[in-house]
Every structure is written in structure tokens, then in C-alpha cells.
Amino acid sequence: MDTARLPWGRVPDNLSMRCRITPAATAGLASIRKWDDLGDLFKIGDIFSDHTRLYRSLHFGDSDYARAISEVLTSVEQRDPALIEGIAEHLQLSTWLKANDPAVHQQLYGSAFGALVGVTTASVNSSFDVTRAITRLEQALTSDPELALGSAKELLESVLKLILQAHGDTNLTDDMPQLLKRVQQYLALDPKVALAPSAAGQDTLKQVLAGVSQIVRGLAELRNLYGTGHGGVGPSPLELRHAHLAVTTAGAAATFLMETHEAQQAGARGALP
């Protein structure tokens, strides 16, 4: 399957990721000390020090520095492919590409959950890693619809809990529809009360807000029927196209809720809910 043509745009293969790391590493690893720190962090310092040109080309500013980086990254991948993604995160590849090569950033990180990538959870005192969860979900989308569906439900549920925690609400054991109901109350998104009767387009906006509730309920029910975590018996009828639909709609709902939360926190809410 050509994932580069799919609407979320992610290209998860390590070849693409490794190639994109090289310019970021060229800019970000500008001293031997930084390479040593990277080697210590991932226990791969021997790969760097054993390369005949890496440190020398860095020290003398030689033109083959980028090629040396590509070669050591190849050796890293041969040892453990998972290290490539770890190095990308360490170098803040997403941030670097967004600033220096937006087109490639969209290719690698474009997502139904794109606006959630890099969301900080420090303000809500949570260790939940939104970016890592999105990565796992999108990798599942290429081959495992049940896992993708289950992961989408878990990610959306985690976003709801992040918002509740930010409002000091620690009752996080309810099911998703109940969690959403309280989130809507905190964010003034309850379709029954969010709009004044005289508001322009109120009926349409109410339908849109009610649609968020329907997405959450539908995703939870689909996950219970076909997703991972419930020990289903026999083959699942779920196909990747169903998972794509579920993930895309879940991404839209999660992004809208998080963006509304951030606008509320920043005091930037407009007249509409």
C-alpha cells in the first residue's frame, strides 16, 4: 500500500525517516560532545566512534559530513530499527522539519491527529505521550484495522481525560460518553445550551456539536465490537477502510476538543462555541 497517498500522509518506513534525520542531525549535532551525549543516551557510542569519517569531517567542516551521518544512521538501524525513531524524537525532528521543510513535515507527520502532534501535557500533570500514541496508531493503520480502531478509541479517551485533568476533574473511570459529557460542560460545548436561540446558524452548529457526541459513542461501540482488547472469537469483518473512517473522524473530534481547550485556556474563545 502506498501510504504516501493516504489522507493522513504518514510515511512510517525507516528509510524515509532516516533520510529526513540527516539534515536535522547536521544542524543539531554540531559538536563531538553532542554526538557523545547521543551515543550515551542510546548506548550506540561505539557506532559513532568507530566510523572513520564522522568526527573528522565534523571537526574540519568537510563536505562529506552529511554522508557520514547517513552511514552511521544506517549502522544504527541495522542494530535496532526502533532506535531511528528514538533519535528522531531526541533531535525534535518534527519541530525542525516544520520550521525548515514544511512539505516534508506534512509528508512524515501529516495526520488525522495532526494538530495534536507535540501537544504538551505538562500543564495537566500527565505523562501521556500524545505524539507516541499517534505514531503507534498510524503504523497500525497500514495493516491492522482492529488495532488501529482500538488505538483510536484509547487516544480519544486519553484526550478527554487530559482535558478533565486540566479542569481539576479526577473522576476518570466513567465510560467515554460520560467523559465527553463533562468535557463539553467544561468547554461550554453542550449542544443543548452552548448557543443562544437567536444565534445565526444555531441549528446547524448544534448538529455539528452533537456530531462530536455521536463520533465518541460510535467509536466506543465499534471498538467494543471489533477492536482489540475484548477477546473476539473468529475473523473480524472490519477492513482497513472502516478503520480509516473511524480514525479520521476520531482525529477530527479529538483535535476540535483540544483546540477548544487551548483557546479557552488562552482566553481566545470567540463568540461561537
C-alpha atoms as a PDB file:
ATOM      1  CA  MET A   1       0.000   0.000   0.000  1.00  0.00           C
ATOM      2  CA  ASP A   2       1.303   3.457  -0.927  1.00  0.00           C
ATOM      3  CA  THR A   3       0.886   5.235   2.395  1.00  0.00           C
ATOM      4  CA  ALA A   4       2.220   8.469   0.934  1.00  0.00           C
ATOM      5  CA  ARG A   5      -1.065   8.831  -0.975  1.00  0.00           C
ATOM      6  CA  LEU A   6      -3.338   8.276   2.001  1.00  0.00           C
ATOM      7  CA  PRO A   7      -5.057  11.313   3.531  1.00  0.00           C
ATOM      8  CA  TRP A   8      -3.109  11.248   6.779  1.00  0.00           C
ATOM      9  CA  GLY A   9       0.105  11.208   4.731  1.00  0.00           C
ATOM     10  CA  ARG A  10       2.434   9.451   7.149  1.00  0.00           C
ATOM     11  CA  VAL A  11       5.349   7.522   5.683  1.00  0.00           C
ATOM     12  CA  PRO A  12       6.454   5.377   8.613  1.00  0.00           C
ATOM     13  CA  ASP A  13       9.245   3.426   6.943  1.00  0.00           C
ATOM     14  CA  ASN A  14      12.683   3.929   8.451  1.00  0.00           C
ATOM     15  CA  LEU A  15      14.331   4.686   5.106  1.00  0.00           C
ATOM     16  CA  SER A  16      12.286   7.845   4.758  1.00  0.00           C
ATOM     17  CA  MET A  17      12.731   8.722   8.427  1.00  0.00           C
ATOM     18  CA  ARG A  18      16.472   8.079   8.325  1.00  0.00           C
ATOM     19  CA  CYS A  19      16.893  10.303   5.279  1.00  0.00           C
ATOM     20  CA  ARG A  20      14.985  13.103   6.986  1.00  0.00           C
ATOM     21  CA  ILE A  21      17.016  12.846  10.169  1.00  0.00           C
ATOM     22  CA  THR A  22      20.275  13.566   8.314  1.00  0.00           C
ATOM     23  CA  PRO A  23      19.761  17.321   7.722  1.00  0.00           C
ATOM     24  CA  ALA A  24      18.364  17.781  11.223  1.00  0.00           C
ATOM     25  CA  ALA A  25      21.380  15.956  12.664  1.00  0.00           C
ATOM     26  CA  THR A  26      23.715  18.047  10.519  1.00  0.00           C
ATOM     27  CA  ALA A  27      22.231  21.182  12.056  1.00  0.00           C
ATOM     28  CA  GLY A  28      21.666  19.905  15.591  1.00  0.00           C
ATOM     29  CA  LEU A  29      24.714  17.737  16.254  1.00  0.00           C
ATOM     30  CA  ALA A  30      27.321  20.411  15.715  1.00  0.00           C
ATOM     31  CA  SER A  31      29.916  19.150  18.190  1.00  0.00           C
ATOM     32  CA  ILE A  32      31.538  15.887  19.144  1.00  0.00           C
ATOM     33  CA  ARG A  33      30.171  16.362  22.661  1.00  0.00           C
ATOM     34  CA  LYS A  34      26.607  16.261  21.308  1.00  0.00           C
ATOM     35  CA  TRP A  35      27.358  13.068  19.412  1.00  0.00           C
ATOM     36  CA  ASP A  36      28.848  11.578  22.568  1.00  0.00           C
ATOM     37  CA  ASP A  37      25.728  12.520  24.536  1.00  0.00           C
ATOM     38  CA  LEU A  38      23.534  10.910  21.877  1.00  0.00           C
ATOM     39  CA  GLY A  39      25.696   7.794  21.962  1.00  0.00           C
ATOM     40  CA  ASP A  40      25.461   7.578  25.746  1.00  0.00           C
ATOM     41  CA  LEU A  41      21.691   8.077  25.695  1.00  0.00           C
ATOM     42  CA  PHE A  42      21.014   5.237  23.258  1.00  0.00           C
ATOM     43  CA  LYS A  43      24.135   3.168  24.054  1.00  0.00           C
ATOM     44  CA  ILE A  44      25.394   3.400  20.488  1.00  0.00           C
ATOM     45  CA  GLY A  45      28.512   5.492  21.019  1.00  0.00           C
ATOM     46  CA  ASP A  46      30.686   2.751  19.561  1.00  0.00           C
ATOM     47  CA  ILE A  47      28.954   3.126  16.199  1.00  0.00           C
ATOM     48  CA  PHE A  48      29.840   6.808  16.107  1.00  0.00           C
ATOM     49  CA  SER A  49      33.416   6.453  17.322  1.00  0.00           C
ATOM     50  CA  ASP A  50      34.156   3.504  15.019  1.00  0.00           C
ATOM     51  CA  HIS A  51      33.147   5.413  11.900  1.00  0.00           C
ATOM     52  CA  THR A  52      36.264   6.584  10.131  1.00  0.00           C
ATOM     53  CA  ARG A  53      34.913   9.925   8.914  1.00  0.00           C
ATOM     54  CA  LEU A  54      32.131  11.131  11.222  1.00  0.00           C
ATOM     55  CA  TYR A  55      34.127  13.027  13.830  1.00  0.00           C
ATOM     56  CA  ARG A  56      36.888  14.054  11.446  1.00  0.00           C
ATOM     57  CA  SER A  57      34.506  15.528   8.875  1.00  0.00           C
ATOM     58  CA  LEU A  58      32.652  17.354  11.663  1.00  0.00           C
ATOM     59  CA  HIS A  59      35.863  18.764  13.125  1.00  0.00           C
ATOM     60  CA  PHE A  60      37.239  20.011   9.811  1.00  0.00           C
ATOM     61  CA  GLY A  61      33.924  21.008   8.259  1.00  0.00           C
ATOM     62  CA  ASP A  62      34.380  18.590   5.374  1.00  0.00           C
ATOM     63  CA  SER A  63      31.757  18.228   2.686  1.00  0.00           C
ATOM     64  CA  ASP A  64      31.120  14.543   3.428  1.00  0.00           C
ATOM     65  CA  TYR A  65      29.702  15.167   6.917  1.00  0.00           C
ATOM     66  CA  ALA A  66      26.102  14.545   5.822  1.00  0.00           C
ATOM     67  CA  ARG A  67      27.116  11.306   4.109  1.00  0.00           C
ATOM     68  CA  ALA A  68      28.919  10.184   7.267  1.00  0.00           C
ATOM     69  CA  ILE A  69      25.766  10.864   9.287  1.00  0.00           C
ATOM     70  CA  SER A  70      23.694   8.802   6.853  1.00  0.00           C
ATOM     71  CA  GLU A  71      26.168   5.932   7.131  1.00  0.00           C
ATOM     72  CA  VAL A  72      26.153   5.862  10.930  1.00  0.00           C
ATOM     73  CA  LEU A  73      22.350   6.029  10.962  1.00  0.00           C
ATOM     74  CA  THR A  74      22.308   3.016   8.666  1.00  0.00           C
ATOM     75  CA  SER A  75      24.506   1.172  11.146  1.00  0.00           C
ATOM     76  CA  VAL A  76      22.210   2.229  13.995  1.00  0.00           C
ATOM     77  CA  GLU A  77      19.190   0.880  12.139  1.00  0.00           C
ATOM     78  CA  GLN A  78      20.954  -2.415  11.484  1.00  0.00           C
ATOM     79  CA  ARG A  79      21.497  -2.793  15.203  1.00  0.00           C
ATOM     80  CA  ASP A  80      17.945  -1.836  16.226  1.00  0.00           C
ATOM     81  CA  PRO A  81      15.418  -0.222  13.840  1.00  0.00           C
ATOM     82  CA  ALA A  82      13.478   1.240  16.776  1.00  0.00           C
ATOM     83  CA  LEU A  83      16.437   3.489  17.576  1.00  0.00           C
ATOM     84  CA  ILE A  84      15.803   5.548  14.454  1.00  0.00           C
ATOM     85  CA  GLU A  85      12.517   6.845  15.806  1.00  0.00           C
ATOM     86  CA  GLY A  86      14.131   7.470  19.190  1.00  0.00           C
ATOM     87  CA  ILE A  87      16.851   9.570  17.594  1.00  0.00           C
ATOM     88  CA  ALA A  88      14.235  11.466  15.575  1.00  0.00           C
ATOM     89  CA  GLU A  89      12.419  12.334  18.802  1.00  0.00           C
ATOM     90  CA  HIS A  90      15.674  13.296  20.537  1.00  0.00           C
ATOM     91  CA  LEU A  91      16.527  15.667  17.678  1.00  0.00           C
ATOM     92  CA  GLN A  92      12.960  17.032  17.713  1.00  0.00           C
ATOM     93  CA  LEU A  93      12.726  16.150  14.037  1.00  0.00           C
ATOM     94  CA  SER A  94       9.079  17.167  13.772  1.00  0.00           C
ATOM     95  CA  THR A  95       9.797  20.667  15.080  1.00  0.00           C
ATOM     96  CA  TRP A  96      12.899  21.034  12.896  1.00  0.00           C
ATOM     97  CA  LEU A  97      11.089  19.953   9.736  1.00  0.00           C
ATOM     98  CA  LYS A  98       8.102  22.155  10.480  1.00  0.00           C
ATOM     99  CA  ALA A  99      10.418  25.169  10.577  1.00  0.00           C
ATOM    100  CA  ASN A 100      12.800  24.191   7.781  1.00  0.00           C
ATOM    101  CA  ASP A 101      10.888  21.929   5.401  1.00  0.00           C
ATOM    102  CA  PRO A 102       7.104  22.149   5.909  1.00  0.00           C
ATOM    103  CA  ALA A 103       6.317  19.964   2.888  1.00  0.00           C
ATOM    104  CA  VAL A 104       8.353  17.073   4.245  1.00  0.00           C
ATOM    105  CA  HIS A 105       6.915  17.668   7.715  1.00  0.00           C
ATOM    106  CA  GLN A 106       3.435  17.194   6.276  1.00  0.00           C
ATOM    107  CA  GLN A 107       4.541  14.053   4.439  1.00  0.00           C
ATOM    108  CA  LEU A 108       6.024  12.476   7.545  1.00  0.00           C
ATOM    109  CA  TYR A 109       3.770  13.812  10.264  1.00  0.00           C
ATOM    110  CA  GLY A 110       0.579  14.814   8.481  1.00  0.00           C
ATOM    111  CA  SER A 111      -2.244  13.080  10.261  1.00  0.00           C
ATOM    112  CA  ALA A 112      -5.876  12.899  11.126  1.00  0.00           C
ATOM    113  CA  PHE A 113      -4.479  13.835  14.532  1.00  0.00           C
ATOM    114  CA  GLY A 114      -2.020  16.359  13.079  1.00  0.00           C
ATOM    115  CA  ALA A 115      -2.967  19.236  15.380  1.00  0.00           C
ATOM    116  CA  LEU A 116      -2.351  17.005  18.391  1.00  0.00           C
ATOM    117  CA  VAL A 117       1.233  16.113  17.444  1.00  0.00           C
ATOM    118  CA  GLY A 118       3.574  17.609  20.000  1.00  0.00           C
ATOM    119  CA  VAL A 119       0.798  18.566  22.409  1.00  0.00           C
ATOM    120  CA  THR A 120       2.363  19.273  25.772  1.00  0.00           C
ATOM    121  CA  THR A 121       0.763  17.639  28.767  1.00  0.00           C
ATOM    122  CA  ALA A 122       2.842  19.412  31.384  1.00  0.00           C
ATOM    123  CA  SER A 123       0.009  21.803  32.193  1.00  0.00           C
ATOM    124  CA  VAL A 124      -2.249  18.933  33.178  1.00  0.00           C
ATOM    125  CA  ASN A 125       0.390  16.957  35.070  1.00  0.00           C
ATOM    126  CA  SER A 126       0.111  13.919  32.801  1.00  0.00           C
ATOM    127  CA  SER A 127       2.749  11.585  31.443  1.00  0.00           C
ATOM    128  CA  PHE A 128       0.560  10.543  28.493  1.00  0.00           C
ATOM    129  CA  ASP A 129       2.592  10.948  25.290  1.00  0.00           C
ATOM    130  CA  VAL A 130       0.168  12.041  22.576  1.00  0.00           C
ATOM    131  CA  THR A 131       2.784  12.009  19.824  1.00  0.00           C
ATOM    132  CA  ARG A 132       3.930   8.458  20.557  1.00  0.00           C
ATOM    133  CA  ALA A 133       0.331   7.237  20.724  1.00  0.00           C
ATOM    134  CA  ILE A 134      -0.377   8.768  17.311  1.00  0.00           C
ATOM    135  CA  THR A 135       2.700   7.089  15.860  1.00  0.00           C
ATOM    136  CA  ARG A 136       1.567   3.668  17.077  1.00  0.00           C
ATOM    137  CA  LEU A 137      -1.941   4.251  15.761  1.00  0.00           C
ATOM    138  CA  GLU A 138      -0.837   5.280  12.293  1.00  0.00           C
ATOM    139  CA  GLN A 139       1.537   2.360  11.975  1.00  0.00           C
ATOM    140  CA  ALA A 140      -1.378   0.042  12.758  1.00  0.00           C
ATOM    141  CA  LEU A 141      -3.435   1.695  10.012  1.00  0.00           C
ATOM    142  CA  THR A 142      -1.259   0.117   7.336  1.00  0.00           C
ATOM    143  CA  SER A 143      -2.035  -3.467   8.318  1.00  0.00           C
ATOM    144  CA  ASP A 144      -4.150  -3.979  11.460  1.00  0.00           C
ATOM    145  CA  PRO A 145      -7.635  -2.366  11.420  1.00  0.00           C
ATOM    146  CA  GLU A 146      -8.649  -3.856  14.781  1.00  0.00           C
ATOM    147  CA  LEU A 147      -5.553  -2.445  16.496  1.00  0.00           C
ATOM    148  CA  ALA A 148      -5.995   0.926  14.767  1.00  0.00           C
ATOM    149  CA  LEU A 149      -9.612   1.104  15.908  1.00  0.00           C
ATOM    150  CA  GLY A 150      -8.705   0.215  19.478  1.00  0.00           C
ATOM    151  CA  SER A 151      -5.825   2.698  19.476  1.00  0.00           C
ATOM    152  CA  ALA A 152      -8.031   5.495  18.107  1.00  0.00           C
ATOM    153  CA  LYS A 153     -10.548   4.922  20.882  1.00  0.00           C
ATOM    154  CA  GLU A 154      -7.817   4.921  23.523  1.00  0.00           C
ATOM    155  CA  LEU A 155      -6.249   8.101  22.139  1.00  0.00           C
ATOM    156  CA  LEU A 156      -9.559   9.959  22.039  1.00  0.00           C
ATOM    157  CA  GLU A 157     -10.341   8.756  25.555  1.00  0.00           C
ATOM    158  CA  SER A 158      -6.932   9.973  26.744  1.00  0.00           C
ATOM    159  CA  VAL A 159      -7.533  13.405  25.204  1.00  0.00           C
ATOM    160  CA  LEU A 160     -10.824  13.619  27.108  1.00  0.00           C
ATOM    161  CA  LYS A 161      -9.037  12.710  30.332  1.00  0.00           C
ATOM    162  CA  LEU A 162      -6.270  15.250  29.701  1.00  0.00           C
ATOM    163  CA  ILE A 163      -8.862  17.996  29.399  1.00  0.00           C
ATOM    164  CA  LEU A 164     -10.720  16.832  32.505  1.00  0.00           C
ATOM    165  CA  GLN A 165      -7.479  16.786  34.498  1.00  0.00           C
ATOM    166  CA  ALA A 166      -6.746  20.323  33.347  1.00  0.00           C
ATOM    167  CA  HIS A 167     -10.064  21.349  34.923  1.00  0.00           C
ATOM    168  CA  GLY A 168      -9.252  19.567  38.178  1.00  0.00           C
ATOM    169  CA  ASP A 169     -11.651  16.712  37.471  1.00  0.00           C
ATOM    170  CA  THR A 170     -10.069  13.468  38.665  1.00  0.00           C
ATOM    171  CA  ASN A 171     -13.102  11.202  38.198  1.00  0.00           C
ATOM    172  CA  LEU A 172     -11.709   9.407  35.148  1.00  0.00           C
ATOM    173  CA  THR A 173     -13.309   5.967  35.456  1.00  0.00           C
ATOM    174  CA  ASP A 174     -16.536   6.707  33.580  1.00  0.00           C
ATOM    175  CA  ASP A 175     -17.125   5.419  30.072  1.00  0.00           C
ATOM    176  CA  MET A 176     -16.336   7.637  27.097  1.00  0.00           C
ATOM    177  CA  PRO A 177     -19.779   9.176  26.562  1.00  0.00           C
ATOM    178  CA  GLN A 178     -19.848  10.299  30.210  1.00  0.00           C
ATOM    179  CA  LEU A 179     -16.306  11.661  29.977  1.00  0.00           C
ATOM    180  CA  LEU A 180     -17.281  13.593  26.857  1.00  0.00           C
ATOM    181  CA  LYS A 181     -20.397  14.986  28.518  1.00  0.00           C
ATOM    182  CA  ARG A 182     -18.322  16.530  31.294  1.00  0.00           C
ATOM    183  CA  VAL A 183     -15.716  17.811  28.834  1.00  0.00           C
ATOM    184  CA  GLN A 184     -18.477  19.501  26.863  1.00  0.00           C
ATOM    185  CA  GLN A 185     -19.714  21.139  30.041  1.00  0.00           C
ATOM    186  CA  TYR A 186     -16.245  22.436  30.954  1.00  0.00           C
ATOM    187  CA  LEU A 187     -15.659  23.703  27.417  1.00  0.00           C
ATOM    188  CA  ALA A 188     -19.182  25.142  27.014  1.00  0.00           C
ATOM    189  CA  LEU A 189     -19.841  22.814  24.079  1.00  0.00           C
ATOM    190  CA  ASP A 190     -23.051  21.171  25.218  1.00  0.00           C
ATOM    191  CA  PRO A 191     -25.192  21.400  22.057  1.00  0.00           C
ATOM    192  CA  LYS A 192     -28.315  21.964  24.158  1.00  0.00           C
ATOM    193  CA  VAL A 193     -27.034  25.083  25.900  1.00  0.00           C
ATOM    194  CA  ALA A 194     -23.988  26.337  24.003  1.00  0.00           C
ATOM    195  CA  LEU A 195     -25.926  28.543  21.594  1.00  0.00           C
ATOM    196  CA  ALA A 196     -28.441  31.271  22.203  1.00  0.00           C
ATOM    197  CA  PRO A 197     -31.767  30.795  20.343  1.00  0.00           C
ATOM    198  CA  SER A 198     -31.002  33.875  18.269  1.00  0.00           C
ATOM    199  CA  ALA A 199     -27.521  32.768  17.183  1.00  0.00           C
ATOM    200  CA  ALA A 200     -27.025  32.671  13.420  1.00  0.00           C
ATOM    201  CA  GLY A 201     -26.959  29.112  12.117  1.00  0.00           C
ATOM    202  CA  GLN A 202     -27.734  27.744  15.561  1.00  0.00           C
ATOM    203  CA  ASP A 203     -29.457  24.611  14.250  1.00  0.00           C
ATOM    204  CA  THR A 204     -26.523  23.705  12.022  1.00  0.00           C
ATOM    205  CA  LEU A 205     -23.976  24.348  14.756  1.00  0.00           C
ATOM    206  CA  LYS A 206     -25.982  22.261  17.196  1.00  0.00           C
ATOM    207  CA  GLN A 207     -25.889  19.399  14.721  1.00  0.00           C
ATOM    208  CA  VAL A 208     -22.123  19.736  14.407  1.00  0.00           C
ATOM    209  CA  LEU A 209     -21.641  19.736  18.185  1.00  0.00           C
ATOM    210  CA  ALA A 210     -23.993  16.786  18.525  1.00  0.00           C
ATOM    211  CA  GLY A 211     -21.912  15.033  15.881  1.00  0.00           C
ATOM    212  CA  VAL A 212     -18.934  15.045  18.236  1.00  0.00           C
ATOM    213  CA  SER A 213     -21.001  13.055  20.719  1.00  0.00           C
ATOM    214  CA  GLN A 214     -22.059  10.628  18.007  1.00  0.00           C
ATOM    215  CA  ILE A 215     -18.433  10.089  16.959  1.00  0.00           C
ATOM    216  CA  VAL A 216     -17.422   9.263  20.528  1.00  0.00           C
ATOM    217  CA  ARG A 217     -20.314   6.862  21.066  1.00  0.00           C
ATOM    218  CA  GLY A 218     -19.843   5.208  17.698  1.00  0.00           C
ATOM    219  CA  LEU A 219     -16.106   4.760  18.172  1.00  0.00           C
ATOM    220  CA  ALA A 220     -16.604   3.230  21.617  1.00  0.00           C
ATOM    221  CA  GLU A 221     -19.234   0.817  20.282  1.00  0.00           C
ATOM    222  CA  LEU A 222     -17.130  -0.165  17.256  1.00  0.00           C
ATOM    223  CA  ARG A 223     -14.134  -0.797  19.473  1.00  0.00           C
ATOM    224  CA  ASN A 224     -16.219  -2.975  21.766  1.00  0.00           C
ATOM    225  CA  LEU A 225     -17.446  -4.974  18.781  1.00  0.00           C
ATOM    226  CA  TYR A 226     -14.328  -5.275  16.655  1.00  0.00           C
ATOM    227  CA  GLY A 227     -11.345  -3.544  18.250  1.00  0.00           C
ATOM    228  CA  THR A 228      -8.523  -5.025  20.290  1.00  0.00           C
ATOM    229  CA  GLY A 229      -8.939  -5.720  23.984  1.00  0.00           C
ATOM    230  CA  HIS A 230     -12.148  -7.753  24.084  1.00  0.00           C
ATOM    231  CA  GLY A 231     -11.026 -11.239  23.061  1.00  0.00           C
ATOM    232  CA  GLY A 232     -13.178 -11.592  19.973  1.00  0.00           C
ATOM    233  CA  VAL A 233     -13.754 -15.061  18.570  1.00  0.00           C
ATOM    234  CA  GLY A 234     -13.422 -15.725  14.855  1.00  0.00           C
ATOM    235  CA  PRO A 235     -12.313 -13.435  11.999  1.00  0.00           C
ATOM    236  CA  SER A 236     -13.315  -9.796  12.169  1.00  0.00           C
ATOM    237  CA  PRO A 237     -15.269  -8.289   9.247  1.00  0.00           C
ATOM    238  CA  LEU A 238     -13.525  -4.965   9.857  1.00  0.00           C
ATOM    239  CA  GLU A 239     -11.476  -3.724   6.909  1.00  0.00           C
ATOM    240  CA  LEU A 240      -8.841  -1.025   6.705  1.00  0.00           C
ATOM    241  CA  ARG A 241     -11.322   1.354   5.061  1.00  0.00           C
ATOM    242  CA  HIS A 242     -13.524   1.115   8.155  1.00  0.00           C
ATOM    243  CA  ALA A 243     -10.543   1.804  10.392  1.00  0.00           C
ATOM    244  CA  HIS A 244      -9.573   4.780   8.217  1.00  0.00           C
ATOM    245  CA  LEU A 245     -13.049   6.265   8.615  1.00  0.00           C
ATOM    246  CA  ALA A 246     -13.062   5.702  12.364  1.00  0.00           C
ATOM    247  CA  VAL A 247      -9.575   7.127  12.861  1.00  0.00           C
ATOM    248  CA  THR A 248     -10.215  10.184  10.690  1.00  0.00           C
ATOM    249  CA  THR A 249     -13.433  11.089  12.490  1.00  0.00           C
ATOM    250  CA  ALA A 250     -11.863  10.403  15.889  1.00  0.00           C
ATOM    251  CA  GLY A 251      -8.972  12.664  14.908  1.00  0.00           C
ATOM    252  CA  ALA A 252     -11.327  15.460  13.944  1.00  0.00           C
ATOM    253  CA  ALA A 253     -13.200  15.194  17.253  1.00  0.00           C
ATOM    254  CA  ALA A 254     -10.036  14.997  19.384  1.00  0.00           C
ATOM    255  CA  THR A 255      -8.433  17.920  17.558  1.00  0.00           C
ATOM    256  CA  PHE A 256     -11.529  20.098  17.905  1.00  0.00           C
ATOM    257  CA  LEU A 257     -11.782  19.396  21.629  1.00  0.00           C
ATOM    258  CA  MET A 258      -8.086  20.023  22.287  1.00  0.00           C
ATOM    259  CA  GLU A 259      -8.040  23.208  20.218  1.00  0.00           C
ATOM    260  CA  THR A 260     -11.147  24.441  22.033  1.00  0.00           C
ATOM    261  CA  HIS A 261      -9.499  23.658  25.374  1.00  0.00           C
ATOM    262  CA  GLU A 262      -6.329  25.520  24.394  1.00  0.00           C
ATOM    263  CA  ALA A 263      -8.325  28.520  23.137  1.00  0.00           C
ATOM    264  CA  GLN A 264     -10.235  28.578  26.411  1.00  0.00           C
ATOM    265  CA  GLN A 265      -7.018  28.413  28.446  1.00  0.00           C
ATOM    266  CA  ALA A 266      -5.546  31.268  26.408  1.00  0.00           C
ATOM    267  CA  GLY A 267      -8.694  33.374  26.753  1.00  0.00           C
ATOM    268  CA  ALA A 268      -9.064  33.345  22.974  1.00  0.00           C
ATOM    269  CA  ARG A 269     -12.557  31.879  22.589  1.00  0.00           C
ATOM    270  CA  GLY A 270     -14.731  33.715  20.095  1.00  0.00           C
ATOM    271  CA  ALA A 271     -18.493  34.180  20.046  1.00  0.00           C
ATOM    272  CA  LEU A 272     -19.174  30.692  18.732  1.00  0.00           C
ATOM    273  CA  PRO A 273     -18.735  27.585  20.890  1.00  0.00           C
END
